[in-house]
C-alpha atoms as a PDB file:
ATOM      1  CA  MET A   1     -19.923 259.457 137.456  1.00  0.00           C
ATOM      2  CA  ARG A   2     -21.938 257.591 139.906  1.00  0.00           C
ATOM      3  CA  ALA A   3     -20.647 254.319 141.270  1.00  0.00           C
ATOM      4  CA  ILE A   4     -21.416 251.929 143.975  1.00  0.00           C
ATOM      5  CA  THR A   5     -18.207 250.356 145.851  1.00  0.00           C
ATOM      6  CA  VAL A   6     -17.736 247.474 148.340  1.00  0.00           C
ATOM      7  CA  THR A   7     -16.128 248.954 151.350  1.00  0.00           C
ATOM      8  CA  LYS A   8     -14.149 246.841 153.688  1.00  0.00           C
ATOM      9  CA  PRO A   9     -15.242 245.184 155.799  1.00  0.00           C
ATOM     10  CA  ALA A  10     -17.941 244.380 153.260  1.00  0.00           C
ATOM     11  CA  SER A  11     -21.307 244.129 154.433  1.00  0.00           C
ATOM     12  CA  LEU A  12     -24.630 245.360 152.947  1.00  0.00           C
ATOM     13  CA  ASP A  13     -24.598 248.427 155.069  1.00  0.00           C
ATOM     14  CA  ALA A  14     -20.995 249.261 153.825  1.00  0.00           C
ATOM     15  CA  LEU A  15     -22.119 249.760 150.092  1.00  0.00           C
ATOM     16  CA  THR A  16     -20.880 253.392 149.414  1.00  0.00           C
ATOM     17  CA  VAL A  17     -22.063 255.661 146.757  1.00  0.00           C
ATOM     18  CA  ARG A  18     -18.957 257.516 145.189  1.00  0.00           C
ATOM     19  CA  GLU A  19     -18.312 260.150 142.406  1.00  0.00           C
ATOM     20  CA  LEU A  20     -15.489 259.205 140.364  1.00  0.00           C
ATOM     21  CA  PRO A  21     -13.977 259.921 137.239  1.00  0.00           C
ATOM     22  CA  ALA A  22     -15.621 258.904 133.905  1.00  0.00           C
ATOM     23  CA  PRO A  23     -13.306 256.510 132.059  1.00  0.00           C
ATOM     24  CA  THR A  24     -12.115 256.741 128.699  1.00  0.00           C
ATOM     25  CA  PRO A  25     -11.793 253.553 126.478  1.00  0.00           C
ATOM     26  CA  ALA A  26      -8.341 252.407 125.363  1.00  0.00           C
ATOM     27  CA  GLN A  27      -7.801 250.349 121.990  1.00  0.00           C
ATOM     28  CA  GLY A  28     -10.380 247.867 121.414  1.00  0.00           C
ATOM     29  CA  GLU A  29     -12.570 249.112 124.118  1.00  0.00           C
ATOM     30  CA  ILE A  30     -16.171 250.618 124.256  1.00  0.00           C
ATOM     31  CA  LEU A  31     -17.701 252.810 126.793  1.00  0.00           C
ATOM     32  CA  VAL A  32     -21.015 251.813 128.034  1.00  0.00           C
ATOM     33  CA  GLN A  33     -23.556 253.919 129.804  1.00  0.00           C
ATOM     34  CA  TRP A  34     -25.454 251.450 131.661  1.00  0.00           C
ATOM     35  CA  ARG A  35     -29.147 252.068 132.298  1.00  0.00           C
ATOM     36  CA  ALA A  36     -29.886 248.948 134.332  1.00  0.00           C
ATOM     37  CA  SER A  37     -28.604 245.739 136.321  1.00  0.00           C
ATOM     38  CA  SER A  38     -29.971 242.926 137.916  1.00  0.00           C
ATOM     39  CA  LEU A  39     -29.104 240.911 140.972  1.00  0.00           C
ATOM     40  CA  ASN A  40     -27.556 237.444 141.472  1.00  0.00           C
ATOM     41  CA  TYR A  41     -26.739 235.401 144.251  1.00  0.00           C
ATOM     42  CA  HIS A  42     -22.870 235.776 143.633  1.00  0.00           C
ATOM     43  CA  ASP A  43     -23.362 239.740 143.870  1.00  0.00           C
ATOM     44  CA  TYR A  44     -25.003 239.081 147.017  1.00  0.00           C
ATOM     45  CA  LEU A  45     -21.948 236.898 148.490  1.00  0.00           C
ATOM     46  CA  VAL A  46     -19.753 239.730 147.067  1.00  0.00           C
ATOM     47  CA  ALA A  47     -21.639 242.574 148.711  1.00  0.00           C
ATOM     48  CA  ASN A  48     -21.884 240.989 152.090  1.00  0.00           C
ATOM     49  CA  GLY A  49     -18.451 239.955 152.331  1.00  0.00           C
ATOM     50  CA  SER A  50     -18.802 236.036 151.913  1.00  0.00           C
ATOM     51  CA  LEU A  51     -16.842 236.441 148.563  1.00  0.00           C
ATOM     52  CA  PRO A  52     -13.619 238.624 149.295  1.00  0.00           C
ATOM     53  CA  VAL A  53     -12.927 241.288 147.023  1.00  0.00           C
ATOM     54  CA  VAL A  54     -10.601 244.494 146.923  1.00  0.00           C
ATOM     55  CA  ASP A  55     -11.387 247.218 148.910  1.00  0.00           C
ATOM     56  CA  GLY A  56     -13.303 249.771 146.486  1.00  0.00           C
ATOM     57  CA  ARG A  57     -14.637 247.115 143.809  1.00  0.00           C
ATOM     58  CA  ILE A  58     -17.770 248.181 142.131  1.00  0.00           C
ATOM     59  CA  PRO A  59     -20.076 244.873 141.953  1.00  0.00           C
ATOM     60  CA  LEU A  60     -22.872 243.393 139.910  1.00  0.00           C
ATOM     61  CA  SER A  61     -21.736 241.473 137.063  1.00  0.00           C
ATOM     62  CA  ASP A  62     -25.226 241.989 134.844  1.00  0.00           C
ATOM     63  CA  GLY A  63     -25.836 245.337 133.189  1.00  0.00           C
ATOM     64  CA  ALA A  64     -27.388 246.739 130.004  1.00  0.00           C
ATOM     65  CA  GLY A  65     -26.767 250.059 128.496  1.00  0.00           C
ATOM     66  CA  ASP A  66     -25.813 252.250 125.345  1.00  0.00           C
ATOM     67  CA  VAL A  67     -22.407 252.417 123.504  1.00  0.00           C
ATOM     68  CA  ILE A  68     -21.421 256.127 124.058  1.00  0.00           C
ATOM     69  CA  ALA A  69     -17.815 256.033 122.760  1.00  0.00           C
ATOM     70  CA  LEU A  70     -15.493 253.955 120.930  1.00  0.00           C
ATOM     71  CA  GLY A  71     -11.583 253.219 121.285  1.00  0.00           C
ATOM     72  CA  GLU A  72      -9.233 252.859 118.559  1.00  0.00           C
ATOM     73  CA  GLY A  73      -9.563 249.861 116.395  1.00  0.00           C
ATOM     74  CA  VAL A  74     -13.310 248.807 117.343  1.00  0.00           C
ATOM     75  CA  THR A  75     -15.330 247.611 114.548  1.00  0.00           C
ATOM     76  CA  LYS A  76     -17.892 245.255 116.296  1.00  0.00           C
ATOM     77  CA  TRP A  77     -20.198 248.195 117.440  1.00  0.00           C
ATOM     78  CA  LYS A  78     -21.105 252.058 116.892  1.00  0.00           C
ATOM     79  CA  VAL A  79     -22.285 254.982 119.432  1.00  0.00           C
ATOM     80  CA  GLY A  80     -25.859 254.210 120.184  1.00  0.00           C
ATOM     81  CA  ASP A  81     -25.915 250.245 119.803  1.00  0.00           C
ATOM     82  CA  LYS A  82     -27.839 248.494 122.966  1.00  0.00           C
ATOM     83  CA  VAL A  83     -25.629 245.792 124.609  1.00  0.00           C
ATOM     84  CA  MET A  84     -25.550 243.791 127.450  1.00  0.00           C
ATOM     85  CA  SER A  85     -22.602 242.398 129.685  1.00  0.00           C
ATOM     86  CA  THR A  86     -21.247 238.951 129.534  1.00  0.00           C
ATOM     87  CA  PHE A  87     -20.405 237.126 132.728  1.00  0.00           C
ATOM     88  CA  PHE A  88     -16.900 235.922 131.532  1.00  0.00           C
ATOM     89  CA  PRO A  89     -15.666 238.645 129.399  1.00  0.00           C
ATOM     90  CA  LYS A  90     -12.739 236.726 128.261  1.00  0.00           C
ATOM     91  CA  TRP A  91     -14.907 233.667 126.983  1.00  0.00           C
ATOM     92  CA  VAL A  92     -15.905 234.654 123.969  1.00  0.00           C
ATOM     93  CA  ASP A  93     -16.490 231.190 122.200  1.00  0.00           C
ATOM     94  CA  GLY A  94     -15.398 227.798 122.193  1.00  0.00           C
ATOM     95  CA  LYS A  95     -14.864 225.350 125.416  1.00  0.00           C
ATOM     96  CA  VAL A  96     -13.962 226.743 128.493  1.00  0.00           C
ATOM     97  CA  ASN A  97     -10.712 227.001 130.347  1.00  0.00           C
ATOM     98  CA  LYS A  98      -9.164 228.936 132.946  1.00  0.00           C
ATOM     99  CA  ALA A  99      -7.681 231.729 131.059  1.00  0.00           C
ATOM    100  CA  LYS A 100     -11.302 232.390 129.810  1.00  0.00           C
ATOM    101  CA  THR A 101     -12.786 232.679 132.938  1.00  0.00           C
ATOM    102  CA  ILE A 102     -10.435 235.431 134.330  1.00  0.00           C
ATOM    103  CA  GLY A 103     -11.894 239.009 134.912  1.00  0.00           C
ATOM    104  CA  LEU A 104     -15.335 238.107 136.308  1.00  0.00           C
ATOM    105  CA  GLY A 105     -17.072 241.441 136.560  1.00  0.00           C
ATOM    106  CA  GLY A 106     -18.135 242.673 140.100  1.00  0.00           C
ATOM    107  CA  ASP A 107     -15.639 240.077 141.424  1.00  0.00           C
ATOM    108  CA  THR A 108     -12.028 240.278 140.164  1.00  0.00           C
ATOM    109  CA  VAL A 109     -12.828 243.534 138.117  1.00  0.00           C
ATOM    110  CA  ASP A 110     -15.146 246.186 138.559  1.00  0.00           C
ATOM    111  CA  GLY A 111     -18.744 245.470 137.580  1.00  0.00           C
ATOM    112  CA  CYS A 112     -22.027 247.519 136.318  1.00  0.00           C
ATOM    113  CA  ALA A 113     -22.929 249.376 139.680  1.00  0.00           C
ATOM    114  CA  ALA A 114     -21.905 252.548 137.745  1.00  0.00           C
ATOM    115  CA  ASP A 115     -23.099 254.983 135.591  1.00  0.00           C
ATOM    116  CA  LYS A 116     -20.484 254.110 132.885  1.00  0.00           C
ATOM    117  CA  SER A 117     -17.703 251.853 132.127  1.00  0.00           C
ATOM    118  CA  CYS A 118     -15.140 250.693 129.614  1.00  0.00           C
ATOM    119  CA  VAL A 119     -15.128 247.102 128.667  1.00  0.00           C
ATOM    120  CA  ALA A 120     -13.577 245.080 125.638  1.00  0.00           C
ATOM    121  CA  GLN A 121     -15.481 245.179 122.395  1.00  0.00           C
ATOM    122  CA  ASP A 122     -15.913 241.396 122.658  1.00  0.00           C
ATOM    123  CA  ALA A 123     -17.404 241.519 126.338  1.00  0.00           C
ATOM    124  CA  VAL A 124     -20.852 242.589 125.594  1.00  0.00           C
ATOM    125  CA  THR A 125     -23.421 241.266 123.153  1.00  0.00           C
ATOM    126  CA  ALA A 126     -26.585 242.684 121.539  1.00  0.00           C
ATOM    127  CA  ILE A 127     -30.026 242.833 123.361  1.00  0.00           C
ATOM    128  CA  PRO A 128     -32.839 241.228 122.394  1.00  0.00           C
ATOM    129  CA  GLU A 129     -35.188 243.143 120.092  1.00  0.00           C
ATOM    130  CA  ALA A 130     -37.985 245.237 121.604  1.00  0.00           C
ATOM    131  CA  TYR A 131     -36.236 244.468 125.536  1.00  0.00           C
ATOM    132  CA  SER A 132     -36.167 247.311 127.750  1.00  0.00           C
ATOM    133  CA  TYR A 133     -32.784 247.881 129.155  1.00  0.00           C
ATOM    134  CA  ALA A 134     -34.413 245.997 132.610  1.00  0.00           C
ATOM    135  CA  GLU A 135     -35.512 243.143 130.701  1.00  0.00           C
ATOM    136  CA  ALA A 136     -31.923 242.957 129.093  1.00  0.00           C
ATOM    137  CA  ALA A 137     -29.938 243.165 132.271  1.00  0.00           C
ATOM    138  CA  THR A 138     -31.633 239.910 133.744  1.00  0.00           C
ATOM    139  CA  LEU A 139     -30.074 237.739 131.188  1.00  0.00           C
ATOM    140  CA  PRO A 140     -26.346 237.586 131.054  1.00  0.00           C
ATOM    141  CA  CYS A 141     -25.975 235.358 134.322  1.00  0.00           C
ATOM    142  CA  ALA A 142     -29.633 233.836 135.414  1.00  0.00           C
ATOM    143  CA  ALA A 143     -30.912 233.196 131.738  1.00  0.00           C
ATOM    144  CA  LEU A 144     -27.427 232.234 130.212  1.00  0.00           C
ATOM    145  CA  THR A 145     -26.906 229.441 133.195  1.00  0.00           C
ATOM    146  CA  ALA A 146     -30.302 228.125 132.602  1.00  0.00           C
ATOM    147  CA  TRP A 147     -29.716 227.977 128.640  1.00  0.00           C
ATOM    148  CA  ARG A 148     -26.516 226.286 128.859  1.00  0.00           C
ATOM    149  CA  ALA A 149     -27.664 223.598 131.223  1.00  0.00           C
ATOM    150  CA  LEU A 150     -30.757 222.749 129.346  1.00  0.00           C
ATOM    151  CA  MET A 151     -29.887 223.457 125.545  1.00  0.00           C
ATOM    152  CA  VAL A 152     -25.858 223.224 125.421  1.00  0.00           C
ATOM    153  CA  GLU A 153     -25.125 220.670 128.306  1.00  0.00           C
ATOM    154  CA  GLY A 154     -28.339 218.979 128.596  1.00  0.00           C
ATOM    155  CA  GLY A 155     -29.311 218.738 124.637  1.00  0.00           C
ATOM    156  CA  LEU A 156     -32.902 219.221 125.794  1.00  0.00           C
ATOM    157  CA  GLN A 157     -35.336 218.187 123.059  1.00  0.00           C
ATOM    158  CA  ALA A 158     -39.219 218.553 122.664  1.00  0.00           C
ATOM    159  CA  GLY A 159     -40.887 215.684 124.790  1.00  0.00           C
ATOM    160  CA  ASP A 160     -38.226 215.713 127.693  1.00  0.00           C
ATOM    161  CA  SER A 161     -39.045 216.345 131.234  1.00  0.00           C
ATOM    162  CA  VAL A 162     -37.366 218.963 133.493  1.00  0.00           C
ATOM    163  CA  LEU A 163     -37.359 219.778 136.769  1.00  0.00           C
ATOM    164  CA  VAL A 164     -36.617 223.171 138.107  1.00  0.00           C
ATOM    165  CA  GLU A 165     -36.322 224.212 141.789  1.00  0.00           C
ATOM    166  CA  GLY A 166     -37.593 227.263 143.406  1.00  0.00           C
ATOM    167  CA  SER A 167     -38.670 230.593 141.827  1.00  0.00           C
ATOM    168  CA  GLY A 168     -35.696 232.729 141.512  1.00  0.00           C
ATOM    169  CA  GLY A 169     -34.355 234.141 138.093  1.00  0.00           C
ATOM    170  CA  MET A 170     -32.669 231.064 136.957  1.00  0.00           C
ATOM    171  CA  SER A 171     -35.480 228.706 137.749  1.00  0.00           C
ATOM    172  CA  VAL A 172     -37.848 230.726 136.231  1.00  0.00           C
ATOM    173  CA  PHE A 173     -35.980 231.313 132.966  1.00  0.00           C
ATOM    174  CA  ALA A 174     -35.345 227.538 132.693  1.00  0.00           C
ATOM    175  CA  LEU A 175     -38.982 227.085 133.159  1.00  0.00           C
ATOM    176  CA  GLN A 176     -39.440 229.447 130.334  1.00  0.00           C
ATOM    177  CA  PHE A 177     -37.051 228.182 127.988  1.00  0.00           C
ATOM    178  CA  ALA A 178     -38.097 224.381 128.695  1.00  0.00           C
ATOM    179  CA  LYS A 179     -41.878 225.146 127.824  1.00  0.00           C
ATOM    180  CA  ALA A 180     -40.619 226.937 124.773  1.00  0.00           C
ATOM    181  CA  ALA A 181     -38.915 223.642 123.457  1.00  0.00           C
ATOM    182  CA  GLY A 182     -41.950 221.737 124.161  1.00  0.00           C
ATOM    183  CA  ALA A 183     -40.843 219.939 127.456  1.00  0.00           C
ATOM    184  CA  TYR A 184     -42.911 218.791 130.714  1.00  0.00           C
ATOM    185  CA  VAL A 185     -41.726 220.804 133.365  1.00  0.00           C
ATOM    186  CA  TYR A 186     -42.147 219.849 137.101  1.00  0.00           C
ATOM    187  CA  ALA A 187     -41.476 222.754 139.665  1.00  0.00           C
ATOM    188  CA  THR A 188     -41.021 223.080 143.560  1.00  0.00           C
ATOM    189  CA  THR A 189     -41.523 225.817 145.718  1.00  0.00           C
ATOM    190  CA  SER A 190     -41.946 226.662 149.424  1.00  0.00           C
ATOM    191  CA  ASN A 191     -45.006 228.996 148.809  1.00  0.00           C
ATOM    192  CA  ASP A 192     -48.213 227.737 148.179  1.00  0.00           C
ATOM    193  CA  ASP A 193     -48.988 231.512 146.762  1.00  0.00           C
ATOM    194  CA  LYS A 194     -46.197 230.858 144.202  1.00  0.00           C
ATOM    195  CA  ILE A 195     -47.958 227.691 142.884  1.00  0.00           C
ATOM    196  CA  ASP A 196     -50.318 229.702 140.705  1.00  0.00           C
ATOM    197  CA  GLN A 197     -47.451 231.898 139.443  1.00  0.00           C
ATOM    198  CA  LEU A 198     -45.506 228.892 138.341  1.00  0.00           C
ATOM    199  CA  LYS A 199     -48.466 227.490 136.491  1.00  0.00           C
ATOM    200  CA  LYS A 200     -49.215 230.600 134.796  1.00  0.00           C
ATOM    201  CA  LEU A 201     -45.736 230.622 133.186  1.00  0.00           C
ATOM    202  CA  GLY A 202     -46.373 226.878 131.995  1.00  0.00           C
ATOM    203  CA  ALA A 203     -45.294 224.554 135.096  1.00  0.00           C
ATOM    204  CA  ASP A 204     -46.930 221.437 134.472  1.00  0.00           C
ATOM    205  CA  THR A 205     -46.523 219.829 138.074  1.00  0.00           C
ATOM    206  CA  VAL A 206     -45.838 222.010 141.298  1.00  0.00           C
ATOM    207  CA  ILE A 207     -44.769 220.306 144.541  1.00  0.00           C
ATOM    208  CA  ASN A 208     -44.414 222.249 147.812  1.00  0.00           C
ATOM    209  CA  TYR A 209     -41.064 220.706 149.306  1.00  0.00           C
ATOM    210  CA  LYS A 210     -42.124 221.915 152.507  1.00  0.00           C
ATOM    211  CA  THR A 211     -44.864 219.732 152.777  1.00  0.00           C
ATOM    212  CA  ASP A 212     -43.403 216.902 150.982  1.00  0.00           C
ATOM    213  CA  PRO A 213     -40.100 216.150 152.591  1.00  0.00           C
ATOM    214  CA  LYS A 214     -39.482 213.428 149.902  1.00  0.00           C
ATOM    215  CA  TRP A 215     -40.218 215.494 146.802  1.00  0.00           C
ATOM    216  CA  GLY A 216     -37.494 213.842 144.999  1.00  0.00           C
ATOM    217  CA  ALA A 217     -39.230 210.620 145.414  1.00  0.00           C
ATOM    218  CA  THR A 218     -42.626 211.993 144.556  1.00  0.00           C
ATOM    219  CA  ILE A 219     -41.384 213.532 141.271  1.00  0.00           C
ATOM    220  CA  ASN A 220     -39.749 210.413 140.182  1.00  0.00           C
ATOM    221  CA  LYS A 221     -43.005 208.242 140.762  1.00  0.00           C
ATOM    222  CA  LEU A 222     -45.158 211.220 139.074  1.00  0.00           C
ATOM    223  CA  SER A 223     -43.007 211.070 136.159  1.00  0.00           C
ATOM    224  CA  GLY A 224     -43.072 207.466 135.523  1.00  0.00           C
ATOM    225  CA  GLY A 225     -39.548 206.542 136.348  1.00  0.00           C
ATOM    226  CA  GLY A 226     -37.470 209.802 136.609  1.00  0.00           C
ATOM    227  CA  VAL A 227     -37.225 213.393 134.760  1.00  0.00           C
ATOM    228  CA  ASP A 228     -34.797 213.738 132.090  1.00  0.00           C
ATOM    229  CA  HIS A 229     -32.920 217.225 133.212  1.00  0.00           C
ATOM    230  CA  VAL A 230     -32.761 218.636 136.773  1.00  0.00           C
ATOM    231  CA  LEU A 231     -31.455 221.799 137.352  1.00  0.00           C
ATOM    232  CA  ASP A 232     -29.998 221.658 141.087  1.00  0.00           C
ATOM    233  CA  VAL A 233     -29.894 224.936 142.893  1.00  0.00           C
ATOM    234  CA  GLY A 234     -29.188 224.124 146.727  1.00  0.00           C
ATOM    235  CA  GLY A 235     -26.416 221.938 146.844  1.00  0.00           C
ATOM    236  CA  ASN A 236     -26.664 220.170 150.337  1.00  0.00           C
ATOM    237  CA  THR A 237     -30.412 220.999 150.773  1.00  0.00           C
ATOM    238  CA  THR A 238     -31.295 219.685 147.463  1.00  0.00           C
ATOM    239  CA  LEU A 239     -28.955 217.488 145.692  1.00  0.00           C
ATOM    240  CA  GLY A 240     -30.291 214.100 147.381  1.00  0.00           C
ATOM    241  CA  HIS A 241     -33.760 214.966 146.173  1.00  0.00           C
ATOM    242  CA  SER A 242     -32.372 216.006 142.771  1.00  0.00           C
ATOM    243  CA  ILE A 243     -30.966 212.426 142.374  1.00  0.00           C
ATOM    244  CA  ASP A 244     -33.989 210.733 143.325  1.00  0.00           C
ATOM    245  CA  ALA A 245     -36.067 212.939 141.189  1.00  0.00           C
ATOM    246  CA  ALA A 246     -33.429 212.174 137.966  1.00  0.00           C
ATOM    247  CA  ARG A 247     -34.342 209.066 135.701  1.00  0.00           C
ATOM    248  CA  VAL A 248     -31.442 206.425 134.920  1.00  0.00           C
ATOM    249  CA  GLY A 249     -29.334 207.782 132.531  1.00  0.00           C
ATOM    250  CA  GLY A 250     -30.609 211.541 133.355  1.00  0.00           C
ATOM    251  CA  HIS A 251     -28.425 214.588 133.667  1.00  0.00           C
ATOM    252  CA  ILE A 252     -28.265 217.181 136.766  1.00  0.00           C
ATOM    253  CA  SER A 253     -26.938 220.732 136.321  1.00  0.00           C
ATOM    254  CA  LEU A 254     -25.169 221.593 139.584  1.00  0.00           C
ATOM    255  CA  ILE A 255     -25.637 225.379 139.347  1.00  0.00           C
ATOM    256  CA  GLY A 256     -26.419 226.960 143.056  1.00  0.00           C
ATOM    257  CA  ILE A 257     -25.083 226.664 146.586  1.00  0.00           C
ATOM    258  CA  LEU A 258     -28.020 228.131 148.268  1.00  0.00           C
ATOM    259  CA  GLY A 259     -27.888 225.477 150.795  1.00  0.00           C
ATOM    260  CA  GLY A 260     -23.825 225.925 151.449  1.00  0.00           C
ATOM    261  CA  PHE A 261     -21.024 224.926 149.702  1.00  0.00           C
ATOM    262  CA  THR A 262     -20.741 221.485 150.403  1.00  0.00           C
ATOM    263  CA  ALA A 263     -23.151 218.447 149.712  1.00  0.00           C
ATOM    264  CA  GLU A 264     -23.047 214.935 150.851  1.00  0.00           C
ATOM    265  CA  ILE A 265     -24.478 212.544 148.374  1.00  0.00           C
ATOM    266  CA  MET A 266     -24.978 208.712 148.017  1.00  0.00           C
ATOM    267  CA  LEU A 267     -22.770 207.445 145.780  1.00  0.00           C
ATOM    268  CA  PRO A 268     -24.566 204.150 145.174  1.00  0.00           C
ATOM    269  CA  LYS A 269     -27.439 206.131 143.762  1.00  0.00           C
ATOM    270  CA  LEU A 270     -25.569 207.942 141.261  1.00  0.00           C
ATOM    271  CA  PHE A 271     -23.718 204.843 140.172  1.00  0.00           C
ATOM    272  CA  GLY A 272     -26.892 202.804 139.969  1.00  0.00           C
ATOM    273  CA  LYS A 273     -28.471 205.654 137.909  1.00  0.00           C
ATOM    274  CA  GLN A 274     -25.752 205.800 135.681  1.00  0.00           C
ATOM    275  CA  MET A 275     -26.385 209.616 135.435  1.00  0.00           C
ATOM    276  CA  ARG A 276     -24.443 212.578 134.512  1.00  0.00           C
ATOM    277  CA  MET A 277     -23.730 215.515 136.538  1.00  0.00           C
ATOM    278  CA  THR A 278     -22.480 219.043 135.187  1.00  0.00           C
ATOM    279  CA  GLY A 279     -21.256 221.871 136.882  1.00  0.00           C
ATOM    280  CA  ILE A 280     -22.440 224.824 135.266  1.00  0.00           C
ATOM    281  CA  SER A 281     -21.110 228.263 135.589  1.00  0.00           C
ATOM    282  CA  VAL A 282     -22.847 230.642 133.119  1.00  0.00           C
ATOM    283  CA  GLY A 283     -21.616 230.443 129.704  1.00  0.00           C
ATOM    284  CA  SER A 284     -19.838 232.399 126.735  1.00  0.00           C
ATOM    285  CA  ALA A 285     -20.786 235.456 124.586  1.00  0.00           C
ATOM    286  CA  GLU A 286     -21.482 232.743 121.684  1.00  0.00           C
ATOM    287  CA  MET A 287     -23.904 230.947 123.896  1.00  0.00           C
ATOM    288  CA  GLN A 288     -25.455 234.303 124.906  1.00  0.00           C
ATOM    289  CA  ASP A 289     -25.966 235.260 121.392  1.00  0.00           C
ATOM    290  CA  ALA A 290     -27.752 231.856 120.466  1.00  0.00           C
ATOM    291  CA  MET A 291     -29.835 232.585 123.778  1.00  0.00           C
ATOM    292  CA  VAL A 292     -30.709 235.842 122.330  1.00  0.00           C
ATOM    293  CA  ARG A 293     -31.881 234.604 118.691  1.00  0.00           C
ATOM    294  CA  ALA A 294     -33.899 231.835 120.557  1.00  0.00           C
ATOM    295  CA  ILE A 295     -35.569 234.549 122.843  1.00  0.00           C
ATOM    296  CA  ASN A 296     -36.409 236.852 119.629  1.00  0.00           C
ATOM    297  CA  ILE A 297     -38.184 233.831 117.911  1.00  0.00           C
ATOM    298  CA  ALA A 298     -39.927 232.716 120.902  1.00  0.00           C
ATOM    299  CA  GLY A 299     -40.939 235.843 122.446  1.00  0.00           C
ATOM    300  CA  ILE A 300     -39.696 234.823 125.678  1.00  0.00           C
ATOM    301  CA  ARG A 301     -40.127 238.136 128.485  1.00  0.00           C
ATOM    302  CA  PRO A 302     -38.384 238.219 131.615  1.00  0.00           C
ATOM    303  CA  VAL A 303     -40.261 237.860 135.039  1.00  0.00           C
ATOM    304  CA  ILE A 304     -39.236 241.035 136.986  1.00  0.00           C
ATOM    305  CA  ASP A 305     -40.202 241.141 140.675  1.00  0.00           C
ATOM    306  CA  ARG A 306     -39.196 244.560 141.747  1.00  0.00           C
ATOM    307  CA  SER A 307     -37.086 247.334 140.784  1.00  0.00           C
ATOM    308  CA  PHE A 308     -34.696 249.360 142.785  1.00  0.00           C
ATOM    309  CA  SER A 309     -32.759 252.679 142.091  1.00  0.00           C
ATOM    310  CA  LEU A 310     -28.722 252.376 141.886  1.00  0.00           C
ATOM    311  CA  GLU A 311     -28.548 254.413 145.363  1.00  0.00           C
ATOM    312  CA  GLU A 312     -31.176 251.478 146.877  1.00  0.00           C
ATOM    313  CA  LEU A 313     -28.751 248.650 145.897  1.00  0.00           C
ATOM    314  CA  GLY A 314     -28.437 247.462 149.577  1.00  0.00           C
ATOM    315  CA  ALA A 315     -32.198 247.728 150.429  1.00  0.00           C
ATOM    316  CA  ALA A 316     -32.664 245.329 147.177  1.00  0.00           C
ATOM    317  CA  PHE A 317     -30.218 243.000 148.463  1.00  0.00           C
ATOM    318  CA  ARG A 318     -31.933 243.355 151.799  1.00  0.00           C
ATOM    319  CA  TYR A 319     -34.998 242.183 149.724  1.00  0.00           C
ATOM    320  CA  GLN A 320     -33.338 239.382 147.764  1.00  0.00           C
ATOM    321  CA  GLU A 321     -32.059 238.088 151.158  1.00  0.00           C
ATOM    322  CA  THR A 322     -35.961 237.484 152.241  1.00  0.00           C
ATOM    323  CA  GLY A 323     -36.392 235.102 149.339  1.00  0.00           C
ATOM    324  CA  GLN A 324     -39.946 236.464 148.587  1.00  0.00           C
ATOM    325  CA  HIS A 325     -39.145 237.470 145.437  1.00  0.00           C
ATOM    326  CA  PHE A 326     -40.157 235.815 142.136  1.00  0.00           C
ATOM    327  CA  GLY A 327     -38.218 236.136 139.037  1.00  0.00           C
ATOM    328  CA  LYS A 328     -35.446 238.952 138.791  1.00  0.00           C
ATOM    329  CA  ILE A 329     -34.858 242.034 141.040  1.00  0.00           C
ATOM    330  CA  VAL A 330     -33.670 244.865 138.835  1.00  0.00           C
ATOM    331  CA  ILE A 331     -31.624 247.870 139.515  1.00  0.00           C
ATOM    332  CA  GLU A 332     -32.535 250.936 137.363  1.00  0.00           C
ATOM    333  CA  TYR A 333     -30.242 254.028 136.929  1.00  0.00           C
END
């Protein structure tokens, strides 16, 4: 089978196509023929060496495909079922703990940048009805992160206000989920060309953060005292603005590190607004199933910017680097 591996010293130029033996499912495992994957910022950090992994690691956490063989004792799936990966294969349900976050695909264990792989029967969920493999492959990281931030941790209600930052995959999904739930959505972008795209998806107010250096305060004013939910993706470059934008008693989901691994915040603002901040790292299979049920009812479809072949993975990451994409970048096998 074909597989892409990260070869040390890791870089986008060192992603290597290899022919490896096809695996055989052990007890409790299924063999999945992957048909598509999608790129996340975490995958980019693995591929370029910012997150060190063992030599020869197969990257990419997200995948969608077909069950083609069953190990002994598998009862949850049958051959021919269409499934998608989970970001944390051991986090099936319940509250998160350390043990449930072990075995992250494409990082501490091999991921989906391969024709086939064996996974535990609980490490996948069904894909949404009428979804293509490429569409389904966009969901396990970006969409589930947005779902958990708004629905699980945020408790989003119809009539609430939401701020999404940028037009990457997670932010676009958050916009779609929020509008489907009846929320008012503020969005930010640095590109005037993307303003219309965000509005077509339902964004009610869009701010260009390049031309408005105090965009957080602007959103606070426009919203009449701050928004209920903020999905922060930039860390140090956005968190101060996110706090400014949030209402007293609001909720900020800390999701991204696009602006670096550390952030400075004004603690008095945090105290004064008595807000809640939650670190979000994707979610469980149980949450993913709930998200899929909502997608099926609401008819939400992912926004796919561009598709690349498996052999073009390095070029796909180069395109991701530019920040020009709107929505998700997918890999089709």
